[in-house]
Amino acid sequence: MNATRGAALVKKPRSFLATARRLLGIETFRPGQEPALEALFEGHDVLAVLPTGSGKSAIYQIAASLIPGPTVVVSPLIALQRDQAERLQDEARGGAAVVNSSVASAKREAAFEGLEQEDLEFIFLAPEQLHRPDVLEHLIEAKPSLFVVDEAHCISEWGHDFRPEYLRLAATIEALGHPRVLALTATASLRVREEILERLNMRDPKVIAGEMDRPNIWLGVRMARSAREKRRRLLEAVEKAEKPGIVYAASRRQVEEIADELEDRGLSVRRYHGGMNKGEREAAQTDFMGSAQSGVQVMVATSAFGMGIDKPDVRFVIHNDVTPSLDAYYQQVGRAGRDGEPARAILFFRREDLGLHKFFAASGHLRRRDVERFAEAVAERSELDERELRERTGLSHSRLMKATAELEDAGVVFQSAPGVIRSAVRRLDPASAADAVIEHEEQHHQHLLDRLERVRVYGELRDCRRQYLLEYFGENCPPCGRCDNCDHGLPQLGSGTVEQPFRVKSRVIHDKFGKGVVMGYRGNQMTVVFDEAGEKMLDAAFAVERGLLRSANGSARSSRT
């Protein structure tokens, strides 16, 4: 129960399924739903990492019906908020309202009044709305008992598209008295899960993770020697593929070019990117979602398209460009085959294409002087709000959010309330604060490069692709038989008389590089992809003899030929 209400934990119902049946018509729970509810009612904050179609929204709907007090749902897209709210309008579920930049002030006030009078169960907001003092005041008055963060992977810093407002969610949760927190996402690696727990300041958290495998999706990579060859092969693949499908490209220009060329080949195509106005994007999405009637065969889009899209019959997802991480790649691949029928995911790969993401990883760093001005302002006043900080530092909203996050991570400042910054140390030294931020940014830059290295390894992999992807997400599986490498026959890495001190695909720990996965052996060299340090080639015998490498399960040597 919300701490501001001063009540004990809500009594666990005799049967969650009975509530689910009455409320939603659910006859049986899908994997992960009941454990998440159990954890919430035991008083834990919960991170549920469950695949698309597993009924994540049902978890908070059932919990909300059983926990007294309103429910706040933070969702990143207006269209997604509207769609979810419309499904909850009936009286049995308590009713729902949306508050965002497109909602008139009269409707906003009516929504908050309904929330405070307990006439409304759900309120859907974008994270940016929580930055408004009037919104926060209304929510504090309403005393929510459940705080839901949908698409929680957005909390992780995904390159230059990162939305800094997500960094304020923890401060908002604390300002509301830390109601129980439920974070939901379909895809999150082990590191991203840790970041979500930390960024939301989740208390006594339980992580409920479903199986990440989507065995009906065939995985493949197509190599190309030139951009022209890649484009030709992509167009041919789309033309031959079973429809409908999605083509992802890295830039607006590429989206337009690919869409034009596919239309020249006689295909019915829609395009979707940030350069289009809202009406054009909504029309394109509507046409694609109803493709059986509209005849639309292909959506060509940037990564702006897809979140919250639940079209069951997408038969392919083809990437013209690499993504900045395997997290992002698998999130987009997961939009195929949601009906359980066979689907295909193909990445067109050139090592040269990694350069754009390396550029973004190196950009956006804070200047030392900006950090020092921020720290000087806090040192002088001890506590400032964002308006005062912007006046004193001259930083834009996004860079101010970034500076706040970096200095929080360094333990220099903290948010005493959303948008209110206080010093976390007795004597704040601006120069030392800047040193800490620069060091943290260098570490983060290396982290982005390491994630990109995992994408490169996937693109050039000669082993089972599904096995590699699932290991990245903390799962194990045998060779799948449903990827291009399995189709062609997997290489017999380490065959012959070469000593293998650790099994291929086993987890190991290196004294310097930390935890990793053994990918294979070539001669006396073993390839290990480390969680933090990326891919490394090691002399197997030397690493073992010097005690540098050991099995993650505790044994020094797990196998040998």
Protein backbone atom coordinates (compact mmCIF):
# COMPACT_ATOMS: atom_id res chain seq x y z
CA MET A 1 0.00 0.00 0.00
CA ASN A 2 1.11 3.57 -0.62
CA ALA A 3 3.23 4.73 2.29
CA THR A 4 1.33 8.04 2.45
CA ARG A 5 -1.83 6.14 3.43
CA GLY A 6 -0.05 4.52 6.35
CA ALA A 7 -1.87 1.25 5.75
CA ALA A 8 -0.65 -2.32 5.96
CA LEU A 9 -0.17 -4.41 2.87
CA VAL A 10 -3.34 -5.29 1.06
CA LYS A 11 -4.55 -8.77 1.89
CA LYS A 12 -3.80 -11.24 -0.85
CA PRO A 13 -6.97 -12.52 -2.53
CA ARG A 14 -7.86 -16.19 -2.39
CA SER A 15 -7.59 -16.43 -6.17
CA PHE A 16 -6.03 -13.99 -8.63
CA LEU A 17 -7.50 -16.07 -11.44
CA ALA A 18 -11.04 -15.53 -10.18
CA THR A 19 -10.47 -11.78 -10.37
CA ALA A 20 -8.92 -12.12 -13.82
CA ARG A 21 -11.86 -14.18 -15.01
CA ARG A 22 -14.42 -11.70 -13.66
CA LEU A 23 -12.60 -8.60 -14.83
CA LEU A 24 -10.99 -9.60 -18.10
CA GLY A 25 -12.49 -12.93 -19.08
CA ILE A 26 -9.13 -14.67 -18.62
CA GLU A 27 -9.50 -18.42 -18.12
CA THR A 28 -5.82 -19.28 -17.59
CA PHE A 29 -2.81 -17.15 -16.74
CA ARG A 30 0.06 -16.80 -19.17
CA PRO A 31 3.61 -17.41 -17.90
CA GLY A 32 4.77 -14.62 -15.61
CA GLN A 33 1.40 -13.01 -14.89
CA GLU A 34 0.58 -14.75 -11.60
CA PRO A 35 4.17 -14.57 -10.19
CA ALA A 36 4.17 -10.81 -10.85
CA LEU A 37 0.86 -10.42 -9.00
CA GLU A 38 2.11 -12.60 -6.14
CA ALA A 39 5.23 -10.42 -5.78
CA LEU A 40 3.20 -7.19 -5.78
CA PHE A 41 0.93 -8.48 -3.05
CA GLU A 42 3.92 -9.58 -1.00
CA GLY A 43 4.96 -5.91 -0.97
CA HIS A 44 7.71 -5.99 -3.59
CA ASP A 45 8.29 -3.57 -6.41
CA VAL A 46 8.23 -5.66 -9.59
CA LEU A 47 10.03 -5.60 -12.92
CA ALA A 48 8.23 -7.88 -15.38
CA VAL A 49 10.23 -8.72 -18.51
CA LEU A 50 7.65 -10.64 -20.52
CA PRO A 51 7.40 -11.09 -24.30
CA THR A 52 4.85 -9.22 -26.37
CA GLY A 53 1.47 -10.92 -26.24
CA SER A 54 2.03 -12.27 -22.72
CA GLY A 55 -0.55 -9.94 -21.18
CA LYS A 56 1.62 -7.44 -19.32
CA SER A 57 -1.18 -4.85 -19.14
CA ALA A 58 -3.46 -7.43 -17.52
CA ILE A 59 -1.07 -7.55 -14.55
CA TYR A 60 -1.61 -3.92 -13.57
CA GLN A 61 -5.33 -4.06 -14.39
CA ILE A 62 -5.85 -6.99 -12.02
CA ALA A 63 -3.61 -5.47 -9.33
CA ALA A 64 -5.36 -2.10 -9.60
CA SER A 65 -8.76 -3.71 -9.04
CA LEU A 66 -7.52 -5.29 -5.80
CA ILE A 67 -5.39 -2.50 -4.31
CA PRO A 68 -7.37 0.49 -2.95
CA GLY A 69 -6.34 3.79 -4.50
CA PRO A 70 -5.78 5.04 -8.06
CA THR A 71 -3.17 3.83 -10.51
CA VAL A 72 -0.70 6.00 -12.44
CA VAL A 73 0.50 4.54 -15.75
CA VAL A 74 3.52 6.19 -17.39
CA SER A 75 3.64 5.42 -21.11
CA PRO A 76 5.96 6.99 -23.71
CA LEU A 77 3.58 7.40 -26.66
CA ILE A 78 0.34 9.37 -26.83
CA ALA A 79 -1.22 6.87 -29.24
CA LEU A 80 -0.36 4.02 -26.87
CA GLN A 81 -1.82 5.90 -23.89
CA ARG A 82 -5.05 6.56 -25.79
CA ASP A 83 -5.38 2.95 -26.92
CA GLN A 84 -4.84 1.56 -23.42
CA ALA A 85 -7.20 4.05 -21.81
CA GLU A 86 -10.01 3.30 -24.25
CA ARG A 87 -9.90 -0.36 -23.22
CA LEU A 88 -10.41 0.61 -19.56
CA GLN A 89 -13.32 2.98 -19.90
CA ASP A 90 -16.01 0.58 -18.71
CA GLU A 91 -17.20 0.97 -15.14
CA ALA A 92 -16.13 -2.54 -14.08
CA ARG A 93 -12.48 -1.60 -14.52
CA GLY A 94 -12.77 1.77 -12.81
CA GLY A 95 -12.46 4.08 -15.80
CA ALA A 96 -9.39 5.75 -17.26
CA ALA A 97 -8.23 9.16 -18.49
CA VAL A 98 -5.29 10.43 -20.51
CA VAL A 99 -3.34 13.56 -19.60
CA ASN A 100 -0.83 14.78 -22.17
CA SER A 101 0.04 17.83 -24.28
CA SER A 102 -2.86 17.17 -26.69
CA VAL A 103 -5.57 17.18 -23.98
CA ALA A 104 -7.53 20.40 -23.37
CA SER A 105 -7.15 22.01 -19.94
CA ALA A 106 -10.81 21.40 -19.01
CA LYS A 107 -10.45 17.67 -19.64
CA ARG A 108 -7.18 17.61 -17.68
CA GLU A 109 -8.85 19.21 -14.66
CA ALA A 110 -11.80 16.82 -14.91
CA ALA A 111 -9.44 13.86 -15.02
CA PHE A 112 -7.56 14.96 -11.90
CA GLU A 113 -10.80 15.72 -10.07
CA GLY A 114 -12.09 12.25 -10.88
CA LEU A 115 -8.83 10.76 -9.63
CA GLU A 116 -8.92 12.67 -6.35
CA GLN A 117 -12.63 11.88 -5.78
CA GLU A 118 -11.90 8.18 -6.39
CA ASP A 119 -14.22 8.17 -9.40
CA LEU A 120 -11.34 7.19 -11.68
CA GLU A 121 -8.95 4.26 -11.33
CA PHE A 122 -6.36 4.88 -14.07
CA ILE A 123 -4.55 7.96 -15.31
CA PHE A 124 -2.13 7.68 -18.24
CA LEU A 125 0.70 10.18 -18.61
CA ALA A 126 3.88 10.69 -20.61
CA PRO A 127 7.01 11.12 -18.44
CA GLU A 128 7.23 14.76 -19.55
CA GLN A 129 3.91 15.50 -17.82
CA LEU A 130 5.37 14.54 -14.45
CA HIS A 131 7.76 17.48 -14.80
CA ARG A 132 4.82 19.90 -14.43
CA PRO A 133 4.33 21.10 -10.82
CA ASP A 134 0.53 21.24 -11.19
CA VAL A 135 0.41 17.62 -12.40
CA LEU A 136 2.59 16.46 -9.54
CA GLU A 137 0.46 18.33 -7.00
CA HIS A 138 -2.70 16.67 -8.31
CA LEU A 139 -1.10 13.23 -8.13
CA ILE A 140 0.15 13.79 -4.58
CA GLU A 141 -3.38 14.78 -3.59
CA ALA A 142 -4.82 11.66 -5.24
CA LYS A 143 -2.44 9.34 -3.30
CA PRO A 144 -1.92 6.63 -5.94
CA SER A 145 -1.33 3.11 -4.67
CA LEU A 146 0.26 1.68 -7.83
CA PHE A 147 2.79 3.34 -10.18
CA VAL A 148 3.20 1.56 -13.52
CA VAL A 149 6.06 2.26 -15.94
CA ASP A 150 5.18 0.80 -19.34
CA GLU A 151 7.91 0.20 -21.95
CA ALA A 152 10.41 0.42 -19.07
CA HIS A 153 13.39 -0.27 -21.33
CA CYS A 154 13.13 3.43 -22.29
CA ILE A 155 14.74 4.16 -18.91
CA SER A 156 17.96 2.69 -20.24
CA GLU A 157 20.09 5.19 -22.17
CA TRP A 158 19.61 4.08 -25.76
CA GLY A 159 21.99 6.44 -27.52
CA HIS A 160 20.99 9.84 -28.86
CA ASP A 161 17.23 9.12 -28.69
CA PHE A 162 17.29 8.95 -24.89
CA ARG A 163 14.45 10.87 -23.18
CA PRO A 164 15.95 12.50 -20.08
CA GLU A 165 12.55 12.89 -18.40
CA TYR A 166 12.72 9.20 -17.51
CA LEU A 167 15.49 10.08 -15.08
CA ARG A 168 12.95 11.97 -12.95
CA LEU A 169 10.63 9.04 -12.42
CA ALA A 170 12.40 7.94 -9.23
CA ALA A 171 12.01 11.40 -7.69
CA THR A 172 8.34 11.44 -8.70
CA ILE A 173 7.76 8.02 -7.14
CA GLU A 174 9.33 9.20 -3.87
CA ALA A 175 7.27 12.42 -3.93
CA LEU A 176 4.15 10.23 -4.15
CA GLY A 177 5.21 8.28 -1.06
CA HIS A 178 6.66 5.38 -3.07
CA PRO A 179 3.50 3.47 -4.02
CA ARG A 180 4.19 -0.01 -5.27
CA VAL A 181 6.04 0.14 -8.57
CA LEU A 182 5.41 -2.17 -11.51
CA ALA A 183 7.81 -1.79 -14.45
CA LEU A 184 6.93 -3.59 -17.69
CA THR A 185 8.93 -4.35 -20.82
CA ALA A 186 9.15 -7.04 -23.46
CA THR A 187 12.92 -7.00 -23.89
CA ALA A 188 15.75 -6.19 -21.48
CA SER A 189 19.22 -7.65 -21.14
CA LEU A 190 20.59 -8.35 -17.68
CA ARG A 191 22.38 -5.00 -17.63
CA VAL A 192 19.30 -3.07 -18.75
CA ARG A 193 17.28 -4.80 -16.02
CA GLU A 194 19.79 -3.63 -13.43
CA GLU A 195 19.61 -0.10 -14.78
CA ILE A 196 15.80 -0.06 -14.59
CA LEU A 197 15.88 -1.21 -10.96
CA GLU A 198 18.46 1.43 -10.10
CA ARG A 199 16.92 4.34 -12.06
CA LEU A 200 13.49 3.76 -10.50
CA ASN A 201 14.94 3.20 -7.02
CA MET A 202 12.80 0.07 -6.75
CA ARG A 203 12.46 -1.29 -3.23
CA ASP A 204 12.99 -4.96 -2.43
CA PRO A 205 12.42 -5.66 -6.13
CA LYS A 206 11.44 -8.92 -7.75
CA VAL A 207 12.33 -9.51 -11.40
CA ILE A 208 9.85 -11.74 -13.21
CA ALA A 209 11.33 -12.76 -16.54
CA GLY A 210 9.61 -14.90 -19.14
CA GLU A 211 11.29 -16.84 -21.91
CA MET A 212 12.78 -14.50 -24.50
CA ASP A 213 12.82 -17.06 -27.29
CA ARG A 214 10.53 -16.55 -30.28
CA PRO A 215 11.14 -19.87 -32.05
CA ASN A 216 8.74 -19.11 -34.90
CA ILE A 217 11.01 -16.27 -36.11
CA TRP A 218 13.79 -17.41 -38.44
CA LEU A 219 16.95 -15.33 -37.94
CA GLY A 220 19.39 -14.44 -40.70
CA VAL A 221 22.08 -11.99 -41.80
CA ARG A 222 22.94 -10.97 -45.35
CA MET A 223 26.46 -9.62 -45.89
CA ALA A 224 27.16 -7.03 -48.60
CA ARG A 225 30.41 -5.64 -49.97
CA SER A 226 28.98 -2.25 -50.92
CA ALA A 227 26.02 -0.01 -50.16
CA ARG A 228 24.72 -0.53 -53.70
CA GLU A 229 24.85 -4.32 -53.37
CA LYS A 230 23.10 -4.13 -49.99
CA ARG A 231 20.27 -2.01 -51.38
CA ARG A 232 19.76 -4.32 -54.37
CA ARG A 233 19.66 -7.43 -52.20
CA LEU A 234 17.31 -5.81 -49.68
CA LEU A 235 14.82 -4.81 -52.37
CA GLU A 236 14.90 -8.33 -53.79
CA ALA A 237 14.35 -9.85 -50.35
CA VAL A 238 11.35 -7.62 -49.63
CA GLU A 239 9.87 -8.32 -53.05
CA LYS A 240 10.10 -12.10 -52.56
CA ALA A 241 9.03 -12.18 -48.89
CA GLU A 242 5.58 -13.15 -47.67
CA LYS A 243 3.69 -9.96 -46.75
CA PRO A 244 2.99 -7.85 -44.77
CA GLY A 245 6.29 -6.78 -43.25
CA ILE A 246 8.42 -3.98 -41.84
CA VAL A 247 11.70 -2.57 -43.17
CA TYR A 248 13.76 -0.54 -40.70
CA ALA A 249 16.27 2.06 -41.87
CA ALA A 250 18.55 4.36 -39.88
CA SER A 251 17.62 7.72 -41.46
CA ARG A 252 14.65 9.56 -42.90
CA ARG A 253 16.42 9.83 -46.26
CA GLN A 254 16.93 6.06 -46.43
CA VAL A 255 13.28 5.47 -45.53
CA GLU A 256 12.15 7.68 -48.40
CA GLU A 257 14.58 6.11 -50.90
CA ILE A 258 13.71 2.52 -50.02
CA ALA A 259 9.97 3.25 -50.03
CA ASP A 260 10.23 4.89 -53.46
CA GLU A 261 12.18 1.97 -54.92
CA LEU A 262 9.76 -0.59 -53.52
CA GLU A 263 6.85 1.35 -55.00
CA ASP A 264 8.67 1.34 -58.34
CA ARG A 265 8.61 -2.46 -58.09
CA GLY A 266 4.83 -2.40 -57.73
CA LEU A 267 4.49 -2.88 -53.97
CA SER A 268 1.98 -1.05 -51.78
CA VAL A 269 4.13 0.82 -49.26
CA ARG A 270 3.75 3.25 -46.38
CA ARG A 271 6.57 5.22 -44.74
CA TYR A 272 6.99 6.42 -41.16
CA HIS A 273 9.62 8.76 -39.68
CA GLY A 274 10.03 11.85 -37.51
CA GLY A 275 10.10 14.21 -40.49
CA MET A 276 6.42 13.55 -41.22
CA ASN A 277 3.68 15.46 -39.44
CA LYS A 278 1.47 13.76 -36.86
CA GLY A 279 -1.46 13.27 -39.25
CA GLU A 280 0.73 11.65 -41.90
CA ARG A 281 2.26 9.25 -39.38
CA GLU A 282 -1.11 8.27 -37.93
CA ALA A 283 -2.56 7.68 -41.42
CA ALA A 284 0.42 5.51 -42.40
CA GLN A 285 0.11 3.47 -39.20
CA THR A 286 -3.65 3.03 -39.64
CA ASP A 287 -3.21 1.85 -43.24
CA PHE A 288 -0.54 -0.66 -42.27
CA MET A 289 -2.44 -2.01 -39.27
CA GLY A 290 -5.43 -2.70 -41.51
CA SER A 291 -3.41 -4.02 -44.43
CA ALA A 292 -5.80 -6.89 -45.15
CA GLN A 293 -8.37 -4.32 -46.24
CA SER A 294 -6.09 -1.52 -47.43
CA GLY A 295 -3.72 -3.72 -49.40
CA VAL A 296 -0.65 -2.18 -47.75
CA GLN A 297 2.18 -4.70 -47.94
CA VAL A 298 5.23 -2.98 -46.45
CA MET A 299 5.97 -0.33 -43.81
CA VAL A 300 9.36 1.35 -44.25
CA ALA A 301 10.29 3.20 -41.08
CA THR A 302 12.89 4.47 -38.69
CA SER A 303 12.95 3.17 -35.11
CA ALA A 304 10.20 5.74 -34.36
CA PHE A 305 7.69 3.14 -35.58
CA GLY A 306 6.71 0.05 -33.63
CA MET A 307 6.45 0.70 -29.90
CA GLY A 308 2.99 -0.35 -28.80
CA ILE A 309 2.16 -1.73 -32.25
CA ASP A 310 0.44 -5.10 -31.91
CA LYS A 311 -0.14 -6.37 -35.43
CA PRO A 312 -0.22 -10.17 -35.23
CA ASP A 313 0.43 -11.11 -38.88
CA VAL A 314 3.73 -9.32 -39.64
CA ARG A 315 5.62 -11.93 -41.65
CA PHE A 316 9.03 -10.25 -41.78
CA VAL A 317 11.17 -7.59 -40.12
CA ILE A 318 14.12 -6.59 -42.30
CA HIS A 319 16.84 -4.21 -41.14
CA ASN A 320 18.65 -2.09 -43.70
CA ASP A 321 21.05 -0.97 -40.95
CA VAL A 322 22.44 -2.26 -37.69
CA THR A 323 20.90 -1.10 -34.41
CA PRO A 324 22.98 0.41 -31.58
CA SER A 325 22.44 -2.66 -29.39
CA LEU A 326 21.08 -6.20 -29.41
CA ASP A 327 18.40 -4.94 -27.00
CA ALA A 328 17.07 -2.58 -29.69
CA TYR A 329 17.43 -5.20 -32.42
CA TYR A 330 15.51 -7.91 -30.59
CA GLN A 331 12.84 -5.41 -29.55
CA GLN A 332 12.20 -4.62 -33.23
CA VAL A 333 12.51 -8.22 -34.40
CA GLY A 334 9.83 -9.15 -31.86
CA ARG A 335 7.24 -7.27 -33.92
CA ALA A 336 7.18 -10.19 -36.37
CA GLY A 337 5.12 -13.33 -36.01
CA ARG A 338 3.04 -12.39 -33.01
CA ASP A 339 0.35 -14.79 -34.21
CA GLY A 340 2.80 -17.66 -33.63
CA GLU A 341 3.04 -18.43 -37.34
CA PRO A 342 6.43 -18.57 -39.16
CA ALA A 343 8.12 -15.21 -39.70
CA ARG A 344 11.57 -14.01 -40.77
CA ALA A 345 14.04 -11.46 -39.39
CA ILE A 346 16.90 -10.47 -41.69
CA LEU A 347 19.72 -8.02 -40.98
CA PHE A 348 21.63 -6.58 -43.94
CA PHE A 349 25.12 -6.08 -42.58
CA ARG A 350 28.22 -4.14 -43.54
CA ARG A 351 30.86 -3.42 -40.92
CA GLU A 352 31.06 0.13 -42.31
CA ASP A 353 27.48 0.72 -41.13
CA LEU A 354 28.63 0.61 -37.50
CA GLY A 355 30.26 4.01 -37.98
CA LEU A 356 27.04 6.03 -37.53
CA HIS A 357 26.40 4.53 -34.11
CA LYS A 358 30.04 5.03 -33.10
CA PHE A 359 29.58 8.69 -33.99
CA PHE A 360 26.46 8.97 -31.82
CA ALA A 361 28.21 7.14 -28.97
CA ALA A 362 30.98 9.75 -29.07
CA SER A 363 28.63 12.74 -29.28
CA GLY A 364 26.51 14.56 -26.73
CA HIS A 365 29.13 14.72 -23.98
CA LEU A 366 28.86 17.50 -21.45
CA ARG A 367 31.51 20.19 -21.50
CA ARG A 368 33.61 20.44 -18.38
CA ARG A 369 32.74 24.10 -17.90
CA ASP A 370 29.00 23.30 -18.06
CA VAL A 371 29.34 20.75 -15.26
CA GLU A 372 31.39 23.15 -13.16
CA ARG A 373 28.78 25.92 -13.56
CA PHE A 374 26.06 23.46 -12.51
CA ALA A 375 28.06 22.38 -9.46
CA GLU A 376 28.93 25.98 -8.56
CA ALA A 377 25.25 26.94 -8.63
CA VAL A 378 24.29 24.07 -6.30
CA ALA A 379 27.26 24.77 -4.01
CA GLU A 380 26.17 28.40 -3.61
CA ARG A 381 22.50 27.73 -2.86
CA SER A 382 22.42 24.07 -1.67
CA GLU A 383 18.99 23.64 -3.31
CA LEU A 384 17.70 24.92 -6.66
CA ASP A 385 14.88 24.12 -9.04
CA GLU A 386 15.31 23.66 -12.78
CA ARG A 387 14.30 27.24 -13.65
CA GLU A 388 17.01 28.66 -11.39
CA LEU A 389 19.58 26.21 -12.68
CA ARG A 390 18.83 27.09 -16.30
CA GLU A 391 19.18 30.79 -15.52
CA ARG A 392 22.49 30.28 -13.75
CA THR A 393 24.05 27.78 -16.16
CA GLY A 394 22.52 28.63 -19.54
CA LEU A 395 22.04 24.90 -20.24
CA SER A 396 19.17 23.60 -22.35
CA HIS A 397 16.54 21.38 -20.75
CA SER A 398 17.99 18.16 -22.20
CA ARG A 399 21.59 18.99 -21.24
CA LEU A 400 20.47 20.07 -17.78
CA MET A 401 18.76 16.69 -17.37
CA LYS A 402 21.90 14.93 -18.54
CA ALA A 403 24.08 16.91 -16.13
CA THR A 404 21.69 16.10 -13.29
CA ALA A 405 21.82 12.39 -14.10
CA GLU A 406 25.61 12.35 -14.36
CA LEU A 407 26.10 14.21 -11.07
CA GLU A 408 23.54 11.98 -9.36
CA ASP A 409 25.38 8.88 -10.58
CA ALA A 410 28.59 10.38 -9.21
CA GLY A 411 26.91 10.89 -5.82
CA VAL A 412 27.38 14.66 -5.94
CA VAL A 413 23.73 15.80 -6.04
CA PHE A 414 20.29 14.27 -5.57
CA GLN A 415 16.71 15.25 -6.40
CA SER A 416 14.87 16.12 -3.19
CA ALA A 417 11.72 16.47 -5.34
CA PRO A 418 11.12 16.27 -9.08
CA GLY A 419 13.13 19.11 -10.63
CA VAL A 420 14.63 20.22 -7.29
CA ILE A 421 18.37 19.60 -6.92
CA ARG A 422 20.28 19.45 -3.65
CA SER A 423 23.92 18.90 -2.84
CA ALA A 424 24.67 15.38 -1.60
CA VAL A 425 28.01 16.32 -0.03
CA ARG A 426 28.93 18.74 2.74
CA ARG A 427 31.37 20.72 0.60
CA LEU A 428 30.74 20.50 -3.11
CA ASP A 429 33.93 21.06 -5.11
CA PRO A 430 33.03 21.95 -8.75
CA ALA A 431 36.37 20.73 -10.14
CA SER A 432 36.06 17.34 -8.44
CA ALA A 433 32.46 17.07 -9.58
CA ALA A 434 33.54 17.70 -13.18
CA ASP A 435 36.26 15.04 -12.86
CA ALA A 436 33.68 12.52 -11.65
CA VAL A 437 31.30 13.32 -14.53
CA ILE A 438 34.01 13.08 -17.19
CA GLU A 439 35.12 9.71 -15.82
CA HIS A 440 31.52 8.46 -15.80
CA GLU A 441 30.94 9.67 -19.36
CA GLU A 442 34.08 7.86 -20.54
CA GLN A 443 32.80 4.67 -18.92
CA HIS A 444 29.39 5.15 -20.52
CA HIS A 445 30.98 5.77 -23.92
CA GLN A 446 32.88 2.50 -23.60
CA HIS A 447 29.65 0.77 -22.59
CA LEU A 448 27.94 1.99 -25.78
CA LEU A 449 30.87 0.77 -27.85
CA ASP A 450 30.75 -2.61 -26.11
CA ARG A 451 27.05 -2.97 -26.92
CA LEU A 452 27.80 -2.10 -30.53
CA GLU A 453 30.56 -4.71 -30.53
CA ARG A 454 28.00 -7.34 -29.58
CA VAL A 455 25.97 -6.29 -32.63
CA ARG A 456 29.06 -6.67 -34.83
CA VAL A 457 29.70 -10.14 -33.42
CA TYR A 458 26.09 -11.09 -34.18
CA GLY A 459 26.44 -9.83 -37.74
CA GLU A 460 29.64 -11.80 -38.37
CA LEU A 461 28.73 -14.85 -36.27
CA ARG A 462 29.27 -18.32 -37.73
CA ASP A 463 27.53 -20.07 -34.85
CA CYS A 464 23.81 -20.32 -33.95
CA ARG A 465 22.34 -16.82 -33.94
CA ARG A 466 19.45 -17.62 -31.59
CA GLN A 467 21.83 -19.18 -29.10
CA TYR A 468 23.98 -16.03 -29.14
CA LEU A 469 21.00 -13.68 -28.74
CA LEU A 470 19.42 -15.63 -25.90
CA GLU A 471 22.71 -15.85 -24.02
CA TYR A 472 22.91 -12.07 -24.21
CA PHE A 473 19.54 -11.96 -22.44
CA GLY A 474 20.64 -14.49 -19.84
CA GLU A 475 19.08 -17.64 -21.31
CA ASN A 476 20.56 -20.84 -22.67
CA CYS A 477 19.37 -22.90 -25.62
CA PRO A 478 20.83 -25.57 -27.92
CA PRO A 479 21.43 -24.78 -31.61
CA CYS A 480 18.02 -23.77 -32.89
CA GLY A 481 17.80 -25.09 -36.45
CA ARG A 482 15.92 -21.89 -37.29
CA CYS A 483 18.67 -19.50 -38.40
CA ASP A 484 20.87 -19.16 -41.48
CA ASN A 485 23.94 -20.60 -39.77
CA CYS A 486 22.07 -23.66 -38.53
CA ASP A 487 20.68 -24.10 -42.05
CA HIS A 488 24.19 -24.09 -43.50
CA GLY A 489 25.70 -26.29 -40.77
CA LEU A 490 27.46 -24.95 -37.70
CA PRO A 491 31.28 -24.90 -37.62
CA GLN A 492 32.97 -27.48 -35.45
CA LEU A 493 34.88 -25.00 -33.33
CA GLY A 494 37.66 -26.52 -31.28
CA SER A 495 37.57 -29.94 -32.96
CA GLY A 496 40.69 -32.09 -33.05
CA THR A 497 43.37 -32.07 -30.39
CA VAL A 498 43.11 -28.44 -29.25
CA GLU A 499 42.59 -28.23 -25.51
CA GLN A 500 39.30 -26.59 -24.49
CA PRO A 501 39.49 -25.64 -20.81
CA PHE A 502 35.90 -24.31 -20.94
CA ARG A 503 32.91 -25.44 -22.94
CA VAL A 504 31.74 -23.32 -25.83
CA LYS A 505 28.77 -21.19 -24.66
CA SER A 506 29.74 -21.54 -20.98
CA ARG A 507 29.94 -18.52 -18.68
CA VAL A 508 33.37 -17.54 -17.39
CA ILE A 509 34.91 -14.83 -15.19
CA HIS A 510 38.16 -13.01 -16.01
CA ASP A 511 40.08 -11.13 -13.32
CA LYS A 512 40.27 -7.99 -15.50
CA PHE A 513 37.36 -8.21 -17.95
CA GLY A 514 34.67 -9.64 -15.67
CA LYS A 515 31.94 -12.05 -16.79
CA GLY A 516 31.63 -13.32 -20.34
CA VAL A 517 30.62 -16.15 -22.68
CA VAL A 518 33.04 -18.50 -24.44
CA MET A 519 32.23 -18.30 -28.16
CA GLY A 520 34.78 -20.76 -29.59
CA TYR A 521 38.38 -21.88 -30.14
CA ARG A 522 40.76 -21.41 -33.04
CA GLY A 523 44.14 -22.97 -32.50
CA ASN A 524 45.40 -21.98 -29.08
CA GLN A 525 43.16 -18.91 -29.01
CA MET A 526 39.74 -18.77 -27.40
CA THR A 527 37.13 -16.12 -28.20
CA VAL A 528 35.21 -14.70 -25.24
CA VAL A 529 32.55 -11.99 -25.42
CA PHE A 530 32.59 -10.18 -22.07
CA ASP A 531 29.51 -8.40 -20.71
CA GLU A 532 31.44 -5.17 -20.15
CA ALA A 533 34.67 -5.41 -22.17
CA GLY A 534 33.27 -6.81 -25.43
CA GLU A 535 34.94 -9.52 -27.52
CA LYS A 536 38.49 -10.62 -26.62
CA MET A 537 40.89 -13.25 -28.00
CA LEU A 538 42.78 -15.02 -25.20
CA ASP A 539 45.53 -17.61 -25.07
CA ALA A 540 43.56 -20.39 -23.42
CA ALA A 541 46.45 -22.21 -21.76
CA PHE A 542 48.05 -19.01 -20.46
CA ALA A 543 44.75 -17.70 -19.04
CA VAL A 544 44.13 -20.92 -17.13
CA GLU A 545 47.70 -21.47 -15.93
CA ARG A 546 47.90 -17.92 -14.54
CA GLY A 547 44.51 -18.25 -12.90
CA LEU A 548 43.10 -15.32 -14.89
CA LEU A 549 40.01 -17.17 -16.10
CA ARG A 550 37.61 -19.44 -14.27
CA SER A 551 34.15 -20.88 -14.75
CA ALA A 552 31.29 -18.70 -13.53
CA ASN A 553 29.83 -21.73 -11.72
CA GLY A 554 32.91 -21.97 -9.52
CA SER A 555 34.93 -24.77 -11.12
CA ALA A 556 38.37 -23.97 -12.51
CA ARG A 557 38.08 -26.13 -15.63
CA SER A 558 34.77 -27.22 -17.08
CA SER A 559 35.84 -29.50 -19.94
CA ARG A 560 38.69 -30.50 -22.17
CA THR A 561 39.15 -32.54 -25.33
